N, C-alpha and C. Protein backbone atom coordinates (compact mmCIF):
# COMPACT_ATOMS: atom_id res chain seq x y z
N MET A 1 70.80 -8.25 -3.73
CA MET A 1 69.96 -7.40 -3.06
C MET A 1 69.87 -6.08 -3.83
N GLY A 2 68.59 -5.55 -3.91
CA GLY A 2 68.37 -4.34 -4.63
C GLY A 2 68.19 -3.16 -3.68
N GLU A 3 68.58 -2.02 -4.16
CA GLU A 3 68.44 -0.83 -3.25
C GLU A 3 67.66 0.18 -4.12
N TYR A 4 66.55 0.67 -3.54
CA TYR A 4 65.73 1.55 -4.22
C TYR A 4 65.40 2.77 -3.30
N ASP A 5 65.71 3.95 -3.63
CA ASP A 5 65.45 5.16 -2.86
C ASP A 5 66.03 4.99 -1.38
N GLY A 6 67.12 4.30 -1.22
CA GLY A 6 67.65 4.08 0.08
C GLY A 6 67.10 3.05 0.85
N ILE A 7 66.17 2.30 0.26
CA ILE A 7 65.57 1.19 0.96
C ILE A 7 66.15 -0.09 0.45
N ARG A 8 66.63 -0.94 1.39
CA ARG A 8 67.27 -2.07 1.03
C ARG A 8 66.22 -3.24 1.06
N GLU A 9 66.22 -4.02 0.09
CA GLU A 9 65.26 -5.18 0.09
C GLU A 9 66.10 -6.49 0.42
N ARG A 10 65.50 -7.28 1.26
CA ARG A 10 66.08 -8.58 1.66
C ARG A 10 65.82 -9.53 0.56
N GLU A 11 66.72 -10.47 0.22
CA GLU A 11 66.61 -11.39 -0.71
C GLU A 11 65.45 -12.33 -0.56
N GLU A 12 65.28 -12.78 0.72
CA GLU A 12 64.21 -13.88 1.01
C GLU A 12 62.75 -13.20 0.86
N GLY A 13 62.77 -11.85 1.02
CA GLY A 13 61.47 -11.19 0.78
C GLY A 13 61.06 -11.18 -0.62
N ARG A 14 61.97 -11.23 -1.64
CA ARG A 14 61.67 -11.29 -3.05
C ARG A 14 61.25 -12.58 -3.51
N LYS A 15 61.56 -13.66 -2.66
CA LYS A 15 61.26 -15.06 -3.19
C LYS A 15 59.91 -15.56 -2.75
N LYS A 16 59.49 -15.18 -1.41
CA LYS A 16 58.21 -15.89 -1.00
C LYS A 16 57.47 -14.82 -0.18
N MET A 17 56.13 -15.02 -0.15
CA MET A 17 55.25 -14.13 0.75
C MET A 17 55.25 -14.63 2.17
N PRO A 18 55.22 -13.69 3.12
CA PRO A 18 55.28 -14.14 4.43
C PRO A 18 53.95 -15.04 4.77
N PHE A 19 54.25 -16.01 5.67
CA PHE A 19 53.22 -17.03 5.88
C PHE A 19 51.83 -16.44 6.34
N GLY A 20 51.86 -15.51 7.23
CA GLY A 20 50.68 -14.74 7.69
C GLY A 20 49.81 -14.20 6.51
N MET A 21 50.60 -13.59 5.63
CA MET A 21 49.84 -12.89 4.44
C MET A 21 49.30 -13.93 3.48
N LEU A 22 50.06 -15.01 3.36
CA LEU A 22 49.50 -16.19 2.50
C LEU A 22 48.21 -16.74 3.12
N VAL A 23 48.23 -16.94 4.41
CA VAL A 23 47.01 -17.45 5.07
C VAL A 23 45.87 -16.46 4.92
N LEU A 24 46.09 -15.22 5.16
CA LEU A 24 45.03 -14.17 5.02
C LEU A 24 44.52 -14.15 3.55
N PHE A 25 45.36 -14.16 2.57
CA PHE A 25 45.03 -14.18 1.22
C PHE A 25 44.11 -15.42 0.83
N LEU A 26 44.57 -16.56 1.09
CA LEU A 26 43.86 -17.78 0.90
C LEU A 26 42.47 -17.75 1.60
N SER A 27 42.46 -17.37 2.92
CA SER A 27 41.08 -17.37 3.63
C SER A 27 40.24 -16.40 2.97
N LEU A 28 40.66 -15.21 2.53
CA LEU A 28 39.83 -14.25 1.82
C LEU A 28 39.22 -14.85 0.56
N LEU A 29 40.01 -15.56 -0.24
CA LEU A 29 39.58 -16.21 -1.45
C LEU A 29 38.51 -17.22 -1.17
N VAL A 30 38.76 -17.99 -0.11
CA VAL A 30 37.70 -19.01 0.21
C VAL A 30 36.49 -18.43 0.65
N CYS A 31 36.52 -17.44 1.54
CA CYS A 31 35.30 -16.75 2.03
C CYS A 31 34.60 -16.07 0.87
N GLY A 32 35.24 -15.48 -0.04
CA GLY A 32 34.63 -14.92 -1.25
C GLY A 32 33.94 -15.92 -2.05
N LEU A 33 34.52 -17.05 -2.33
CA LEU A 33 33.90 -18.10 -3.11
C LEU A 33 32.58 -18.62 -2.40
N VAL A 34 32.74 -18.81 -1.06
CA VAL A 34 31.57 -19.41 -0.33
C VAL A 34 30.51 -18.36 -0.35
N TYR A 35 30.74 -17.13 -0.25
CA TYR A 35 29.74 -16.01 -0.18
C TYR A 35 29.03 -16.03 -1.56
N LEU A 36 29.84 -16.03 -2.65
CA LEU A 36 29.27 -16.00 -3.90
C LEU A 36 28.26 -17.23 -4.10
N TYR A 37 28.75 -18.35 -3.67
CA TYR A 37 27.90 -19.57 -3.83
C TYR A 37 26.55 -19.54 -3.00
N LEU A 38 26.72 -19.04 -1.68
CA LEU A 38 25.60 -19.06 -0.70
C LEU A 38 24.58 -17.94 -1.15
N PHE A 39 24.98 -16.77 -1.67
CA PHE A 39 24.15 -15.72 -1.83
C PHE A 39 23.92 -15.26 -3.28
N SER A 40 24.22 -16.14 -4.19
CA SER A 40 24.04 -15.85 -5.63
C SER A 40 22.56 -16.34 -5.97
N PRO A 41 21.83 -15.46 -6.71
CA PRO A 41 20.46 -15.83 -7.02
C PRO A 41 20.44 -17.11 -7.97
N LEU A 42 21.48 -17.47 -8.58
CA LEU A 42 21.44 -18.69 -9.35
C LEU A 42 21.44 -19.91 -8.52
N THR A 43 22.05 -19.84 -7.35
CA THR A 43 22.03 -20.99 -6.42
C THR A 43 20.88 -21.03 -5.42
N THR A 44 20.48 -19.78 -5.01
CA THR A 44 19.44 -19.66 -3.91
C THR A 44 18.06 -19.48 -4.56
N GLY A 45 18.03 -19.02 -5.79
CA GLY A 45 16.71 -18.81 -6.39
C GLY A 45 15.93 -17.50 -5.88
N TRP A 46 16.54 -16.78 -4.97
CA TRP A 46 16.08 -15.61 -4.47
C TRP A 46 16.17 -14.43 -5.43
N LYS A 47 15.11 -13.64 -5.67
CA LYS A 47 15.13 -12.51 -6.59
C LYS A 47 14.31 -11.44 -5.90
N GLN A 48 14.94 -10.16 -6.08
CA GLN A 48 14.20 -9.07 -5.50
C GLN A 48 12.86 -8.88 -6.11
N VAL A 49 12.71 -9.04 -7.32
CA VAL A 49 11.38 -8.87 -8.02
C VAL A 49 10.34 -9.86 -7.46
N GLY A 50 10.77 -11.10 -7.10
CA GLY A 50 9.88 -11.99 -6.47
C GLY A 50 9.34 -11.46 -5.17
N GLN A 51 10.32 -10.93 -4.37
CA GLN A 51 9.90 -10.31 -3.09
C GLN A 51 8.88 -9.19 -3.31
N TYR A 52 9.11 -8.36 -4.22
CA TYR A 52 8.33 -7.18 -4.55
C TYR A 52 6.94 -7.65 -4.99
N GLU A 53 6.91 -8.67 -5.82
CA GLU A 53 5.51 -9.11 -6.32
C GLU A 53 4.74 -9.82 -5.19
N LYS A 54 5.38 -10.45 -4.20
CA LYS A 54 4.69 -11.04 -3.10
C LYS A 54 4.14 -10.00 -2.27
N ARG A 55 4.87 -8.93 -1.97
CA ARG A 55 4.33 -7.80 -1.10
C ARG A 55 3.28 -7.12 -1.79
N MET A 56 3.34 -6.83 -3.11
CA MET A 56 2.25 -6.14 -3.89
C MET A 56 1.03 -7.00 -3.87
N GLU A 57 1.13 -8.35 -4.03
CA GLU A 57 -0.03 -9.17 -3.97
C GLU A 57 -0.76 -9.21 -2.58
N ALA A 58 0.06 -9.26 -1.55
CA ALA A 58 -0.50 -9.19 -0.21
C ALA A 58 -1.12 -7.86 0.03
N HIS A 59 -0.69 -6.74 -0.44
CA HIS A 59 -1.11 -5.44 -0.22
C HIS A 59 -2.51 -5.33 -0.98
N LYS A 60 -2.55 -5.77 -2.20
CA LYS A 60 -3.81 -5.69 -3.01
C LYS A 60 -4.89 -6.53 -2.27
N THR A 61 -4.52 -7.69 -1.77
CA THR A 61 -5.52 -8.52 -0.98
C THR A 61 -6.02 -7.82 0.21
N ALA A 62 -5.12 -7.14 0.91
CA ALA A 62 -5.51 -6.48 2.14
C ALA A 62 -6.39 -5.30 1.79
N VAL A 63 -6.12 -4.55 0.73
CA VAL A 63 -6.87 -3.41 0.37
C VAL A 63 -8.40 -3.89 0.02
N ILE A 64 -8.43 -4.88 -0.81
CA ILE A 64 -9.67 -5.41 -1.22
C ILE A 64 -10.42 -5.93 -0.08
N THR A 65 -9.87 -6.77 0.82
CA THR A 65 -10.48 -7.22 2.04
C THR A 65 -11.03 -6.07 2.88
N HIS A 66 -10.25 -4.98 3.04
CA HIS A 66 -10.62 -3.77 3.75
C HIS A 66 -11.79 -3.22 3.15
N GLU A 67 -11.84 -3.01 1.82
CA GLU A 67 -12.97 -2.45 1.09
C GLU A 67 -14.16 -3.29 1.27
N VAL A 68 -14.08 -4.63 1.14
CA VAL A 68 -15.28 -5.41 1.31
C VAL A 68 -15.91 -5.25 2.75
N LYS A 69 -14.95 -5.28 3.78
CA LYS A 69 -15.44 -5.11 5.11
C LYS A 69 -16.09 -3.81 5.33
N GLU A 70 -15.57 -2.62 4.63
CA GLU A 70 -16.19 -1.40 4.80
C GLU A 70 -17.63 -1.41 4.23
N VAL A 71 -17.81 -2.00 3.03
CA VAL A 71 -19.06 -2.00 2.38
C VAL A 71 -20.00 -2.81 3.18
N ALA A 72 -19.63 -3.98 3.72
CA ALA A 72 -20.47 -4.86 4.59
C ALA A 72 -20.91 -4.13 5.82
N SER A 73 -19.89 -3.39 6.52
CA SER A 73 -20.31 -2.72 7.71
C SER A 73 -21.03 -1.36 7.55
N GLY A 74 -21.10 -0.89 6.33
CA GLY A 74 -21.83 0.42 6.19
C GLY A 74 -20.87 1.60 6.30
N ILE A 75 -19.62 1.45 6.58
CA ILE A 75 -18.72 2.56 6.68
C ILE A 75 -18.62 3.34 5.42
N SER A 76 -18.53 2.54 4.31
CA SER A 76 -18.35 3.31 3.06
C SER A 76 -19.61 4.17 2.72
N GLU A 77 -20.74 3.78 3.26
CA GLU A 77 -21.94 4.54 2.97
C GLU A 77 -21.85 5.97 3.59
N THR A 78 -21.31 5.95 4.89
CA THR A 78 -21.22 7.27 5.53
C THR A 78 -20.10 8.17 4.90
N ARG A 79 -19.09 7.53 4.46
CA ARG A 79 -17.94 8.30 3.72
C ARG A 79 -18.56 8.78 2.41
N GLU A 80 -19.43 8.00 1.79
CA GLU A 80 -19.87 8.47 0.50
C GLU A 80 -20.72 9.65 0.59
N ASP A 81 -21.43 9.72 1.78
CA ASP A 81 -22.34 10.85 1.97
C ASP A 81 -21.53 12.11 2.07
N LYS A 82 -20.25 12.11 2.63
CA LYS A 82 -19.43 13.28 2.86
C LYS A 82 -18.65 13.59 1.56
N GLY A 83 -18.51 12.57 0.67
CA GLY A 83 -17.70 12.86 -0.54
C GLY A 83 -18.15 13.91 -1.35
N PRO A 84 -19.42 14.15 -1.72
CA PRO A 84 -19.83 15.19 -2.63
C PRO A 84 -19.49 16.60 -2.11
N ALA A 85 -19.66 16.80 -0.78
CA ALA A 85 -19.31 18.12 -0.20
C ALA A 85 -17.80 18.44 -0.25
N ILE A 86 -17.02 17.36 -0.01
CA ILE A 86 -15.59 17.47 -0.05
C ILE A 86 -15.14 17.76 -1.47
N TYR A 87 -15.77 17.08 -2.43
CA TYR A 87 -15.35 17.16 -3.80
C TYR A 87 -15.66 18.67 -4.33
N VAL A 88 -16.81 19.15 -3.88
CA VAL A 88 -17.19 20.52 -4.36
C VAL A 88 -16.24 21.48 -3.78
N SER A 89 -15.84 21.36 -2.48
CA SER A 89 -15.05 22.41 -1.89
C SER A 89 -13.54 22.27 -2.29
N ASP A 90 -13.03 21.03 -2.66
CA ASP A 90 -11.61 20.87 -2.82
C ASP A 90 -11.26 20.34 -4.23
N CYS A 91 -12.17 19.91 -5.01
CA CYS A 91 -11.81 19.26 -6.36
C CYS A 91 -12.49 19.95 -7.51
N ALA A 92 -13.73 20.51 -7.29
CA ALA A 92 -14.52 21.05 -8.33
C ALA A 92 -13.85 22.12 -9.12
N MET A 93 -12.92 22.96 -8.45
CA MET A 93 -12.35 24.05 -9.15
C MET A 93 -11.51 23.55 -10.34
N CYS A 94 -10.91 22.38 -10.32
CA CYS A 94 -10.10 21.81 -11.42
C CYS A 94 -10.92 20.85 -12.17
N HIS A 95 -11.77 20.04 -11.55
CA HIS A 95 -12.50 18.98 -12.26
C HIS A 95 -13.92 19.18 -12.63
N GLY A 96 -14.36 20.41 -12.31
CA GLY A 96 -15.78 20.78 -12.59
C GLY A 96 -16.79 20.35 -11.57
N GLU A 97 -17.82 21.10 -11.39
CA GLU A 97 -18.86 20.81 -10.37
C GLU A 97 -19.50 19.39 -10.55
N LYS A 98 -19.67 18.96 -11.74
CA LYS A 98 -20.29 17.69 -12.02
C LYS A 98 -19.37 16.71 -12.60
N LEU A 99 -18.02 16.81 -12.16
CA LEU A 99 -16.93 15.96 -12.70
C LEU A 99 -16.78 15.98 -14.25
N GLU A 100 -17.12 17.10 -14.79
CA GLU A 100 -17.11 17.24 -16.26
C GLU A 100 -15.71 17.62 -16.74
N GLY A 101 -14.83 18.08 -15.89
CA GLY A 101 -13.55 18.45 -16.36
C GLY A 101 -13.41 19.92 -16.42
N GLY A 102 -12.24 20.49 -16.52
CA GLY A 102 -11.90 21.91 -16.60
C GLY A 102 -10.37 22.00 -16.79
N ILE A 103 -9.81 22.52 -15.79
CA ILE A 103 -8.32 22.57 -15.84
C ILE A 103 -7.79 21.07 -15.74
N GLY A 104 -8.43 20.34 -14.84
CA GLY A 104 -8.11 18.91 -14.81
C GLY A 104 -8.97 18.12 -15.73
N PRO A 105 -8.69 16.80 -15.89
CA PRO A 105 -9.57 16.03 -16.82
C PRO A 105 -10.94 15.70 -16.21
N ALA A 106 -11.89 15.27 -17.03
CA ALA A 106 -13.15 14.83 -16.45
C ALA A 106 -13.01 13.62 -15.75
N LEU A 107 -13.90 13.43 -14.71
CA LEU A 107 -13.79 12.24 -13.86
C LEU A 107 -15.12 11.34 -14.08
N THR A 108 -15.57 11.34 -15.25
CA THR A 108 -16.84 10.70 -15.56
C THR A 108 -16.77 9.23 -15.85
N GLY A 109 -15.52 8.66 -15.97
CA GLY A 109 -15.34 7.27 -16.12
C GLY A 109 -16.06 6.68 -17.29
N PRO A 110 -16.25 5.40 -17.45
CA PRO A 110 -15.85 4.34 -16.50
C PRO A 110 -14.46 4.09 -16.43
N LYS A 111 -13.66 4.46 -17.51
CA LYS A 111 -12.15 4.10 -17.54
C LYS A 111 -11.48 5.44 -17.12
N PHE A 112 -10.45 5.26 -16.29
CA PHE A 112 -9.59 6.36 -15.83
C PHE A 112 -8.21 6.19 -16.23
N LEU A 113 -7.46 7.28 -16.45
CA LEU A 113 -6.13 7.18 -16.92
C LEU A 113 -5.17 6.45 -15.99
N PHE A 114 -5.44 6.61 -14.73
CA PHE A 114 -4.47 6.15 -13.66
C PHE A 114 -5.05 4.98 -12.88
N GLY A 115 -6.09 4.25 -13.36
CA GLY A 115 -6.65 3.04 -12.72
C GLY A 115 -8.12 3.30 -12.48
N ASN A 116 -8.75 2.14 -12.42
CA ASN A 116 -10.26 2.15 -12.26
C ASN A 116 -10.85 1.78 -10.91
N THR A 117 -9.91 1.27 -10.07
CA THR A 117 -10.34 0.75 -8.82
C THR A 117 -10.49 1.78 -7.69
N LEU A 118 -11.09 1.47 -6.63
CA LEU A 118 -11.18 2.44 -5.49
C LEU A 118 -9.73 2.81 -5.00
N ALA A 119 -8.96 1.73 -4.93
CA ALA A 119 -7.60 1.97 -4.40
C ALA A 119 -6.76 2.88 -5.38
N ASP A 120 -6.99 2.74 -6.66
CA ASP A 120 -6.40 3.60 -7.61
C ASP A 120 -6.80 5.02 -7.45
N HIS A 121 -8.10 5.32 -7.21
CA HIS A 121 -8.59 6.61 -7.03
C HIS A 121 -7.98 7.20 -5.67
N ILE A 122 -7.93 6.45 -4.61
CA ILE A 122 -7.32 6.94 -3.37
C ILE A 122 -5.81 7.25 -3.54
N ARG A 123 -5.09 6.43 -4.29
CA ARG A 123 -3.67 6.69 -4.57
C ARG A 123 -3.45 7.92 -5.34
N VAL A 124 -4.32 8.18 -6.41
CA VAL A 124 -4.19 9.34 -7.21
C VAL A 124 -4.52 10.58 -6.37
N ILE A 125 -5.51 10.55 -5.64
CA ILE A 125 -5.84 11.71 -4.94
C ILE A 125 -4.77 12.09 -3.84
N ALA A 126 -4.35 11.05 -3.21
CA ALA A 126 -3.28 11.31 -2.14
C ALA A 126 -1.97 11.69 -2.74
N ASP A 127 -1.41 10.97 -3.75
CA ASP A 127 -0.11 11.18 -4.15
C ASP A 127 -0.06 12.11 -5.53
N GLY A 128 -1.13 12.35 -6.10
CA GLY A 128 -1.08 13.16 -7.40
C GLY A 128 -0.68 12.34 -8.56
N THR A 129 -0.44 13.05 -9.72
CA THR A 129 -0.01 12.45 -10.89
C THR A 129 1.10 13.17 -11.59
N PRO A 130 1.87 12.44 -12.46
CA PRO A 130 2.93 13.11 -13.14
C PRO A 130 2.38 14.16 -14.18
N ASN A 131 1.10 14.16 -14.42
CA ASN A 131 0.52 15.07 -15.43
C ASN A 131 0.18 16.51 -14.90
N GLY A 132 0.48 16.69 -13.55
CA GLY A 132 0.29 17.97 -12.94
C GLY A 132 -0.66 18.00 -11.84
N MET A 133 -1.37 17.01 -11.55
CA MET A 133 -2.28 16.97 -10.34
C MET A 133 -1.37 16.86 -9.14
N PRO A 134 -1.59 17.82 -8.19
CA PRO A 134 -0.78 17.65 -6.90
C PRO A 134 -1.36 16.65 -5.99
N GLY A 135 -0.67 16.07 -5.10
CA GLY A 135 -1.22 15.14 -4.03
C GLY A 135 -1.86 15.92 -3.01
N PHE A 136 -2.96 15.39 -2.45
CA PHE A 136 -3.65 16.01 -1.41
C PHE A 136 -3.70 15.31 -0.11
N LYS A 137 -2.58 14.49 0.04
CA LYS A 137 -2.34 13.72 1.31
C LYS A 137 -2.47 14.57 2.57
N ARG A 138 -1.69 15.65 2.55
CA ARG A 138 -1.56 16.47 3.75
C ARG A 138 -2.74 17.33 3.86
N GLN A 139 -3.18 17.84 2.75
CA GLN A 139 -4.37 18.85 2.87
C GLN A 139 -5.65 18.24 3.23
N LEU A 140 -6.02 17.12 2.76
CA LEU A 140 -7.29 16.50 3.04
C LEU A 140 -7.19 15.35 4.19
N GLY A 141 -6.17 14.59 4.20
CA GLY A 141 -6.12 13.49 5.21
C GLY A 141 -6.73 12.24 4.65
N PRO A 142 -6.53 11.06 5.37
CA PRO A 142 -7.09 9.81 4.78
C PRO A 142 -8.54 9.70 4.73
N ASP A 143 -9.25 10.27 5.71
CA ASP A 143 -10.73 10.03 5.79
C ASP A 143 -11.35 10.73 4.58
N LYS A 144 -10.99 12.00 4.42
CA LYS A 144 -11.49 12.86 3.34
C LYS A 144 -11.11 12.29 1.89
N ILE A 145 -9.95 11.82 1.87
CA ILE A 145 -9.50 11.29 0.57
C ILE A 145 -10.41 10.02 0.27
N ARG A 146 -10.54 9.22 1.21
CA ARG A 146 -11.49 7.89 1.02
C ARG A 146 -12.75 8.36 0.60
N ALA A 147 -13.36 9.42 1.30
CA ALA A 147 -14.77 9.89 0.95
C ALA A 147 -14.80 10.37 -0.50
N VAL A 148 -13.89 11.16 -0.92
CA VAL A 148 -13.91 11.65 -2.26
C VAL A 148 -13.77 10.44 -3.31
N ALA A 149 -12.83 9.53 -2.87
CA ALA A 149 -12.61 8.40 -3.77
C ALA A 149 -13.82 7.55 -3.95
N HIS A 150 -14.60 7.31 -2.84
CA HIS A 150 -15.85 6.59 -2.88
C HIS A 150 -16.86 7.33 -3.68
N TYR A 151 -16.93 8.65 -3.56
CA TYR A 151 -17.87 9.48 -4.40
C TYR A 151 -17.61 9.32 -5.89
N ILE A 152 -16.33 9.39 -6.29
CA ILE A 152 -15.99 9.33 -7.70
C ILE A 152 -16.16 7.90 -8.17
N HIS A 153 -15.81 6.89 -7.32
CA HIS A 153 -15.86 5.49 -7.73
C HIS A 153 -17.36 4.98 -7.83
N PHE A 154 -18.01 5.23 -6.89
CA PHE A 154 -19.44 4.69 -6.77
C PHE A 154 -20.38 5.50 -7.65
N ARG A 155 -20.04 6.68 -7.93
CA ARG A 155 -20.85 7.47 -8.88
C ARG A 155 -20.97 6.81 -10.25
N HIS A 156 -19.79 6.21 -10.57
CA HIS A 156 -19.73 5.60 -11.94
C HIS A 156 -19.91 4.09 -11.94
N ALA A 157 -19.78 3.48 -10.84
CA ALA A 157 -20.00 2.05 -10.71
C ALA A 157 -21.46 1.57 -10.90
N HIS A 158 -22.37 2.54 -10.60
CA HIS A 158 -23.82 2.16 -10.70
C HIS A 158 -24.46 2.83 -11.94
């Protein structure tokens, strides 16, 4: 029997682990292995990238469907009418009265740095860009943002 710092060790404690601890240790090992098998991407085929791509594809489809419905119902036409006035009051100071550029880049298209679709224009106006354009989500709201995006997009689409 060894004695360390006044603590006496029993001889049988040095030879084997208590039964309860052995059961706990083995059950944790089995649970860990089962968990690795059941939730590993190698066995399940699940990948976070796959989930992201599915969601993005569904979102793009929803945006395109929404835009087609707007054009068919004439909603986009009424928004397009409001777009020039909103552009002049809130955007022209940086992008020029005729979208020719100034402090901000020209918006004369047909190719744009941050995307060429209507959805891209809406995203850029709402969220801004890393190049210094602030987002106007709070200032303009979704209807005005869509109106300006329609104005910029349809001005160059025809």
